[in-house]
Amino acid sequence: LITKVNREHYRKFLDMQIPALNGRTPRQAAGDPAMRPALIDLMKDHIHGLQDLNRSHGTDLSIDWVLEELGLRELL
């Protein structure tokens, strides 16, 4: 169940306007070289949060598919 909820959240997240990305969606920021550093920082925060969650709850959640979709191979 937690995996399903996580996947659904990130499916929506890809098209949400994010204040840290100046109101752009992650998909929009991925295509804008000027916004790419902010997107990378944001996704690093998400990765670290999931790693902490996985450690504390014994889960194995991953957003590798999100990183692939955004073209952020350097974070894989």
PDB file of N, CA and C in Angstrom:
ATOM      1  N   LEU A   1       0.830  -1.202   0.000  1.00  0.00           N
ATOM      2  CA  LEU A   1       0.000   0.000   0.000  1.00  0.00           C
ATOM      3  C   LEU A   1       0.870   1.261   0.000  1.00  0.00           C
ATOM      4  N   ILE A   2       1.915   1.260   0.837  1.00  0.00           N
ATOM      5  CA  ILE A   2       2.765   2.446   0.921  1.00  0.00           C
ATOM      6  C   ILE A   2       3.475   2.713  -0.409  1.00  0.00           C
ATOM      7  N   THR A   3       3.826   1.653  -1.115  1.00  0.00           N
ATOM      8  CA  THR A   3       4.468   1.810  -2.426  1.00  0.00           C
ATOM      9  C   THR A   3       3.489   2.431  -3.419  1.00  0.00           C
ATOM     10  N   LYS A   4       2.255   1.981  -3.382  1.00  0.00           N
ATOM     11  CA  LYS A   4       1.228   2.510  -4.285  1.00  0.00           C
ATOM     12  C   LYS A   4       0.976   3.994  -4.008  1.00  0.00           C
ATOM     13  N   VAL A   5       0.877   4.354  -2.740  1.00  0.00           N
ATOM     14  CA  VAL A   5       0.644   5.750  -2.355  1.00  0.00           C
ATOM     15  C   VAL A   5       1.825   6.613  -2.781  1.00  0.00           C
ATOM     16  N   ASN A   6       3.034   6.116  -2.567  1.00  0.00           N
ATOM     17  CA  ASN A   6       4.239   6.855  -2.956  1.00  0.00           C
ATOM     18  C   ASN A   6       4.276   7.085  -4.470  1.00  0.00           C
ATOM     19  N   ARG A   7       3.988   6.054  -5.226  1.00  0.00           N
ATOM     20  CA  ARG A   7       4.008   6.176  -6.695  1.00  0.00           C
ATOM     21  C   ARG A   7       2.954   7.185  -7.173  1.00  0.00           C
ATOM     22  N   GLU A   8       1.779   7.124  -6.599  1.00  0.00           N
ATOM     23  CA  GLU A   8       0.714   8.059  -6.982  1.00  0.00           C
ATOM     24  C   GLU A   8       1.102   9.497  -6.636  1.00  0.00           C
ATOM     25  N   HIS A   9       1.695   9.677  -5.470  1.00  0.00           N
ATOM     26  CA  HIS A   9       2.141  11.012  -5.077  1.00  0.00           C
ATOM     27  C   HIS A   9       3.132  11.573  -6.099  1.00  0.00           C
ATOM     28  N   TYR A  10       4.121  10.795  -6.466  1.00  0.00           N
ATOM     29  CA  TYR A  10       5.139  11.290  -7.392  1.00  0.00           C
ATOM     30  C   TYR A  10       4.622  11.410  -8.822  1.00  0.00           C
ATOM     31  N   ARG A  11       3.634  10.617  -9.171  1.00  0.00           N
ATOM     32  CA  ARG A  11       3.023  10.784 -10.499  1.00  0.00           C
ATOM     33  C   ARG A  11       2.383  12.169 -10.581  1.00  0.00           C
ATOM     34  N   LYS A  12       1.705  12.585  -9.511  1.00  0.00           N
ATOM     35  CA  LYS A  12       1.097  13.915  -9.461  1.00  0.00           C
ATOM     36  C   LYS A  12       2.154  15.008  -9.306  1.00  0.00           C
ATOM     37  N   PHE A  13       3.168  14.727  -8.503  1.00  0.00           N
ATOM     38  CA  PHE A  13       4.245  15.679  -8.239  1.00  0.00           C
ATOM     39  C   PHE A  13       4.901  16.186  -9.521  1.00  0.00           C
ATOM     40  N   LEU A  14       5.051  15.316 -10.505  1.00  0.00           N
ATOM     41  CA  LEU A  14       5.705  15.698 -11.763  1.00  0.00           C
ATOM     42  C   LEU A  14       5.040  16.893 -12.433  1.00  0.00           C
ATOM     43  N   ASP A  15       3.748  17.069 -12.202  1.00  0.00           N
ATOM     44  CA  ASP A  15       2.997  18.147 -12.855  1.00  0.00           C
ATOM     45  C   ASP A  15       2.442  19.188 -11.884  1.00  0.00           C
ATOM     46  N   MET A  16       2.977  19.199 -10.654  1.00  0.00           N
ATOM     47  CA  MET A  16       2.569  20.195  -9.658  1.00  0.00           C
ATOM     48  C   MET A  16       3.454  21.430  -9.767  1.00  0.00           C
ATOM     49  N   GLN A  17       2.854  22.583  -9.607  1.00  0.00           N
ATOM     50  CA  GLN A  17       3.643  23.810  -9.542  1.00  0.00           C
ATOM     51  C   GLN A  17       4.313  23.858  -8.174  1.00  0.00           C
ATOM     52  N   ILE A  18       5.635  23.975  -8.184  1.00  0.00           N
ATOM     53  CA  ILE A  18       6.421  23.904  -6.958  1.00  0.00           C
ATOM     54  C   ILE A  18       7.040  25.273  -6.666  1.00  0.00           C
ATOM     55  N   PRO A  19       6.769  25.858  -5.512  1.00  0.00           N
ATOM     56  CA  PRO A  19       7.343  27.173  -5.189  1.00  0.00           C
ATOM     57  C   PRO A  19       8.873  27.213  -5.297  1.00  0.00           C
ATOM     58  N   ALA A  20       9.541  26.154  -4.878  1.00  0.00           N
ATOM     59  CA  ALA A  20      11.013  26.116  -4.942  1.00  0.00           C
ATOM     60  C   ALA A  20      11.534  26.136  -6.378  1.00  0.00           C
ATOM     61  N   LEU A  21      10.640  25.888  -7.331  1.00  0.00           N
ATOM     62  CA  LEU A  21      10.999  25.929  -8.755  1.00  0.00           C
ATOM     63  C   LEU A  21      10.371  27.149  -9.429  1.00  0.00           C
ATOM     64  N   ASN A  22      10.165  28.187  -8.635  1.00  0.00           N
ATOM     65  CA  ASN A  22       9.541  29.425  -9.133  1.00  0.00           C
ATOM     66  C   ASN A  22       8.182  29.181  -9.775  1.00  0.00           C
ATOM     67  N   GLY A  23       7.421  28.263  -9.179  1.00  0.00           N
ATOM     68  CA  GLY A  23       6.086  27.980  -9.673  1.00  0.00           C
ATOM     69  C   GLY A  23       6.026  27.064 -10.874  1.00  0.00           C
ATOM     70  N   ARG A  24       7.161  26.590 -11.309  1.00  0.00           N
ATOM     71  CA  ARG A  24       7.181  25.644 -12.435  1.00  0.00           C
ATOM     72  C   ARG A  24       6.946  24.231 -11.906  1.00  0.00           C
ATOM     73  N   THR A  25       6.550  23.353 -12.808  1.00  0.00           N
ATOM     74  CA  THR A  25       6.434  21.944 -12.458  1.00  0.00           C
ATOM     75  C   THR A  25       7.808  21.301 -12.601  1.00  0.00           C
ATOM     76  N   PRO A  26       8.031  20.162 -11.974  1.00  0.00           N
ATOM     77  CA  PRO A  26       9.300  19.476 -12.191  1.00  0.00           C
ATOM     78  C   PRO A  26       9.563  19.174 -13.674  1.00  0.00           C
ATOM     79  N   ARG A  27       8.528  18.812 -14.414  1.00  0.00           N
ATOM     80  CA  ARG A  27       8.720  18.560 -15.856  1.00  0.00           C
ATOM     81  C   ARG A  27       9.197  19.829 -16.575  1.00  0.00           C
ATOM     82  N   GLN A  28       8.589  20.960 -16.253  1.00  0.00           N
ATOM     83  CA  GLN A  28       8.994  22.220 -16.876  1.00  0.00           C
ATOM     84  C   GLN A  28      10.418  22.584 -16.473  1.00  0.00           C
ATOM     85  N   ALA A  29      10.741  22.441 -15.202  1.00  0.00           N
ATOM     86  CA  ALA A  29      12.077  22.782 -14.721  1.00  0.00           C
ATOM     87  C   ALA A  29      13.139  21.891 -15.355  1.00  0.00           C
ATOM     88  N   ALA A  30      12.798  20.643 -15.609  1.00  0.00           N
ATOM     89  CA  ALA A  30      13.760  19.717 -16.219  1.00  0.00           C
ATOM     90  C   ALA A  30      14.173  20.179 -17.616  1.00  0.00           C
ATOM     91  N   GLY A  31      13.263  20.866 -18.295  1.00  0.00           N
ATOM     92  CA  GLY A  31      13.554  21.333 -19.642  1.00  0.00           C
ATOM     93  C   GLY A  31      14.177  22.717 -19.704  1.00  0.00           C
ATOM     94  N   ASP A  32      14.401  23.329 -18.560  1.00  0.00           N
ATOM     95  CA  ASP A  32      14.944  24.686 -18.502  1.00  0.00           C
ATOM     96  C   ASP A  32      16.331  24.648 -17.862  1.00  0.00           C
ATOM     97  N   PRO A  33      17.384  24.862 -18.647  1.00  0.00           N
ATOM     98  CA  PRO A  33      18.742  24.786 -18.097  1.00  0.00           C
ATOM     99  C   PRO A  33      18.969  25.695 -16.888  1.00  0.00           C
ATOM    100  N   ALA A  34      18.294  26.824 -16.836  1.00  0.00           N
ATOM    101  CA  ALA A  34      18.463  27.737 -15.703  1.00  0.00           C
ATOM    102  C   ALA A  34      17.828  27.184 -14.424  1.00  0.00           C
ATOM    103  N   MET A  35      16.804  26.345 -14.564  1.00  0.00           N
ATOM    104  CA  MET A  35      16.099  25.786 -13.410  1.00  0.00           C
ATOM    105  C   MET A  35      16.636  24.425 -12.982  1.00  0.00           C
ATOM    106  N   ARG A  36      17.449  23.834 -13.818  1.00  0.00           N
ATOM    107  CA  ARG A  36      17.941  22.479 -13.535  1.00  0.00           C
ATOM    108  C   ARG A  36      18.652  22.366 -12.180  1.00  0.00           C
ATOM    109  N   PRO A  37      19.527  23.313 -11.794  1.00  0.00           N
ATOM    110  CA  PRO A  37      20.173  23.195 -10.475  1.00  0.00           C
ATOM    111  C   PRO A  37      19.166  23.187  -9.313  1.00  0.00           C
ATOM    112  N   ALA A  38      18.133  24.000  -9.394  1.00  0.00           N
ATOM    113  CA  ALA A  38      17.109  24.016  -8.343  1.00  0.00           C
ATOM    114  C   ALA A  38      16.350  22.693  -8.312  1.00  0.00           C
ATOM    115  N   LEU A  39      16.068  22.143  -9.484  1.00  0.00           N
ATOM    116  CA  LEU A  39      15.381  20.853  -9.558  1.00  0.00           C
ATOM    117  C   LEU A  39      16.255  19.749  -8.971  1.00  0.00           C
ATOM    118  N   ILE A  40      17.520  19.759  -9.278  1.00  0.00           N
ATOM    119  CA  ILE A  40      18.438  18.759  -8.732  1.00  0.00           C
ATOM    120  C   ILE A  40      18.484  18.849  -7.212  1.00  0.00           C
ATOM    121  N   ASP A  41      18.588  20.063  -6.682  1.00  0.00           N
ATOM    122  CA  ASP A  41      18.594  20.234  -5.221  1.00  0.00           C
ATOM    123  C   ASP A  41      17.296  19.717  -4.596  1.00  0.00           C
ATOM    124  N   LEU A  42      16.172  20.038  -5.218  1.00  0.00           N
ATOM    125  CA  LEU A  42      14.876  19.587  -4.717  1.00  0.00           C
ATOM    126  C   LEU A  42      14.797  18.061  -4.712  1.00  0.00           C
ATOM    127  N   MET A  43      15.227  17.450  -5.788  1.00  0.00           N
ATOM    128  CA  MET A  43      15.145  16.000  -5.874  1.00  0.00           C
ATOM    129  C   MET A  43      16.123  15.320  -4.922  1.00  0.00           C
ATOM    130  N   LYS A  44      17.256  15.936  -4.666  1.00  0.00           N
ATOM    131  CA  LYS A  44      18.176  15.389  -3.657  1.00  0.00           C
ATOM    132  C   LYS A  44      17.500  15.361  -2.294  1.00  0.00           C
ATOM    133  N   ASP A  45      16.762  16.415  -1.977  1.00  0.00           N
ATOM    134  CA  ASP A  45      16.018  16.449  -0.717  1.00  0.00           C
ATOM    135  C   ASP A  45      14.988  15.313  -0.652  1.00  0.00           C
ATOM    136  N   HIS A  46      14.310  15.069  -1.761  1.00  0.00           N
ATOM    137  CA  HIS A  46      13.323  13.989  -1.805  1.00  0.00           C
ATOM    138  C   HIS A  46      14.004  12.626  -1.647  1.00  0.00           C
ATOM    139  N   ILE A  47      15.135  12.455  -2.305  1.00  0.00           N
ATOM    140  CA  ILE A  47      15.879  11.190  -2.201  1.00  0.00           C
ATOM    141  C   ILE A  47      16.303  10.939  -0.760  1.00  0.00           C
ATOM    142  N   HIS A  48      16.849  11.964  -0.117  1.00  0.00           N
ATOM    143  CA  HIS A  48      17.286  11.807   1.273  1.00  0.00           C
ATOM    144  C   HIS A  48      16.113  11.511   2.195  1.00  0.00           C
ATOM    145  N   GLY A  49      14.989  12.168   1.962  1.00  0.00           N
ATOM    146  CA  GLY A  49      13.801  11.906   2.765  1.00  0.00           C
ATOM    147  C   GLY A  49      13.326  10.465   2.627  1.00  0.00           C
ATOM    148  N   LEU A  50      13.346   9.955   1.400  1.00  0.00           N
ATOM    149  CA  LEU A  50      12.939   8.561   1.188  1.00  0.00           C
ATOM    150  C   LEU A  50      13.932   7.591   1.808  1.00  0.00           C
ATOM    151  N   GLN A  51      15.208   7.910   1.727  1.00  0.00           N
ATOM    152  CA  GLN A  51      16.210   7.052   2.350  1.00  0.00           C
ATOM    153  C   GLN A  51      15.990   6.979   3.853  1.00  0.00           C
ATOM    154  N   ASP A  52      15.703   8.119   4.476  1.00  0.00           N
ATOM    155  CA  ASP A  52      15.422   8.142   5.912  1.00  0.00           C
ATOM    156  C   ASP A  52      14.172   7.313   6.232  1.00  0.00           C
ATOM    157  N   LEU A  53      13.136   7.485   5.426  1.00  0.00           N
ATOM    158  CA  LEU A  53      11.899   6.726   5.615  1.00  0.00           C
ATOM    159  C   LEU A  53      12.154   5.228   5.470  1.00  0.00           C
ATOM    160  N   ASN A  54      12.906   4.856   4.453  1.00  0.00           N
ATOM    161  CA  ASN A  54      13.228   3.445   4.236  1.00  0.00           C
ATOM    162  C   ASN A  54      13.978   2.863   5.427  1.00  0.00           C
ATOM    163  N   ARG A  55      14.941   3.608   5.952  1.00  0.00           N
ATOM    164  CA  ARG A  55      15.705   3.126   7.106  1.00  0.00           C
ATOM    165  C   ARG A  55      14.834   2.975   8.348  1.00  0.00           C
ATOM    166  N   SER A  56      13.993   3.960   8.588  1.00  0.00           N
ATOM    167  CA  SER A  56      13.209   3.945   9.822  1.00  0.00           C
ATOM    168  C   SER A  56      12.006   2.990   9.770  1.00  0.00           C
ATOM    169  N   HIS A  57      11.481   2.729   8.581  1.00  0.00           N
ATOM    170  CA  HIS A  57      10.290   1.885   8.467  1.00  0.00           C
ATOM    171  C   HIS A  57      10.546   0.554   7.766  1.00  0.00           C
ATOM    172  N   GLY A  58      11.774   0.326   7.344  1.00  0.00           N
ATOM    173  CA  GLY A  58      12.087  -0.936   6.677  1.00  0.00           C
ATOM    174  C   GLY A  58      11.445  -1.073   5.311  1.00  0.00           C
ATOM    175  N   THR A  59      11.157   0.060   4.679  1.00  0.00           N
ATOM    176  CA  THR A  59      10.560   0.028   3.342  1.00  0.00           C
ATOM    177  C   THR A  59      11.662   0.085   2.288  1.00  0.00           C
ATOM    178  N   ASP A  60      11.259  -0.028   1.050  1.00  0.00           N
ATOM    179  CA  ASP A  60      12.212   0.017  -0.065  1.00  0.00           C
ATOM    180  C   ASP A  60      11.657   0.931  -1.162  1.00  0.00           C
ATOM    181  N   LEU A  61      11.251   2.136  -0.763  1.00  0.00           N
ATOM    182  CA  LEU A  61      10.677   3.085  -1.720  1.00  0.00           C
ATOM    183  C   LEU A  61      11.778   3.709  -2.563  1.00  0.00           C
ATOM    184  N   SER A  62      11.461   3.959  -3.807  1.00  0.00           N
ATOM    185  CA  SER A  62      12.433   4.545  -4.726  1.00  0.00           C
ATOM    186  C   SER A  62      11.723   5.500  -5.681  1.00  0.00           C
ATOM    187  N   ILE A  63      12.448   6.557  -6.048  1.00  0.00           N
ATOM    188  CA  ILE A  63      11.919   7.471  -7.067  1.00  0.00           C
ATOM    189  C   ILE A  63      12.833   7.479  -8.288  1.00  0.00           C
ATOM    190  N   ASP A  64      13.532   6.382  -8.497  1.00  0.00           N
ATOM    191  CA  ASP A  64      14.397   6.288  -9.673  1.00  0.00           C
ATOM    192  C   ASP A  64      13.616   6.533 -10.962  1.00  0.00           C
ATOM    193  N   TRP A  65      12.382   6.043 -11.018  1.00  0.00           N
ATOM    194  CA  TRP A  65      11.578   6.237 -12.224  1.00  0.00           C
ATOM    195  C   TRP A  65      11.275   7.718 -12.457  1.00  0.00           C
ATOM    196  N   VAL A  66      11.131   8.494 -11.375  1.00  0.00           N
ATOM    197  CA  VAL A  66      10.892   9.942 -11.482  1.00  0.00           C
ATOM    198  C   VAL A  66      12.150  10.617 -12.033  1.00  0.00           C
ATOM    199  N   LEU A  67      13.295  10.232 -11.488  1.00  0.00           N
ATOM    200  CA  LEU A  67      14.569  10.796 -11.947  1.00  0.00           C
ATOM    201  C   LEU A  67      14.797  10.491 -13.416  1.00  0.00           C
ATOM    202  N   GLU A  68      14.469   9.273 -13.832  1.00  0.00           N
ATOM    203  CA  GLU A  68      14.581   8.898 -15.253  1.00  0.00           C
ATOM    204  C   GLU A  68      13.663   9.768 -16.104  1.00  0.00           C
ATOM    205  N   GLU A  69      12.436   9.915 -15.665  1.00  0.00           N
ATOM    206  CA  GLU A  69      11.454  10.680 -16.428  1.00  0.00           C
ATOM    207  C   GLU A  69      11.867  12.142 -16.562  1.00  0.00           C
ATOM    208  N   LEU A  70      12.528  12.668 -15.536  1.00  0.00           N
ATOM    209  CA  LEU A  70      12.991  14.064 -15.571  1.00  0.00           C
ATOM    210  C   LEU A  70      14.359  14.225 -16.241  1.00  0.00           C
ATOM    211  N   GLY A  71      14.964  13.115 -16.611  1.00  0.00           N
ATOM    212  CA  GLY A  71      16.290  13.182 -17.246  1.00  0.00           C
ATOM    213  C   GLY A  71      17.410  13.515 -16.277  1.00  0.00           C
ATOM    214  N   LEU A  72      17.215  13.167 -15.003  1.00  0.00           N
ATOM    215  CA  LEU A  72      18.219  13.455 -13.982  1.00  0.00           C
ATOM    216  C   LEU A  72      19.063  12.211 -13.698  1.00  0.00           C
ATOM    217  N   ARG A  73      19.696  11.709 -14.724  1.00  0.00           N
ATOM    218  CA  ARG A  73      20.482  10.474 -14.610  1.00  0.00           C
ATOM    219  C   ARG A  73      21.634  10.622 -13.621  1.00  0.00           C
ATOM    220  N   GLU A  74      22.104  11.848 -13.420  1.00  0.00           N
ATOM    221  CA  GLU A  74      23.229  12.054 -12.495  1.00  0.00           C
ATOM    222  C   GLU A  74      22.847  11.764 -11.045  1.00  0.00           C
ATOM    223  N   LEU A  75      21.555  11.651 -10.767  1.00  0.00           N
ATOM    224  CA  LEU A  75      21.118  11.341  -9.405  1.00  0.00           C
ATOM    225  C   LEU A  75      20.821   9.859  -9.199  1.00  0.00           C
ATOM    226  N   LEU A  76      20.932   9.091 -10.248  1.00  0.00           N
ATOM    227  CA  LEU A  76      20.662   7.649 -10.114  1.00  0.00           C
ATOM    228  C   LEU A  76      21.850   6.921  -9.542  1.00  0.00           C
TER     229      LEU A  76
END
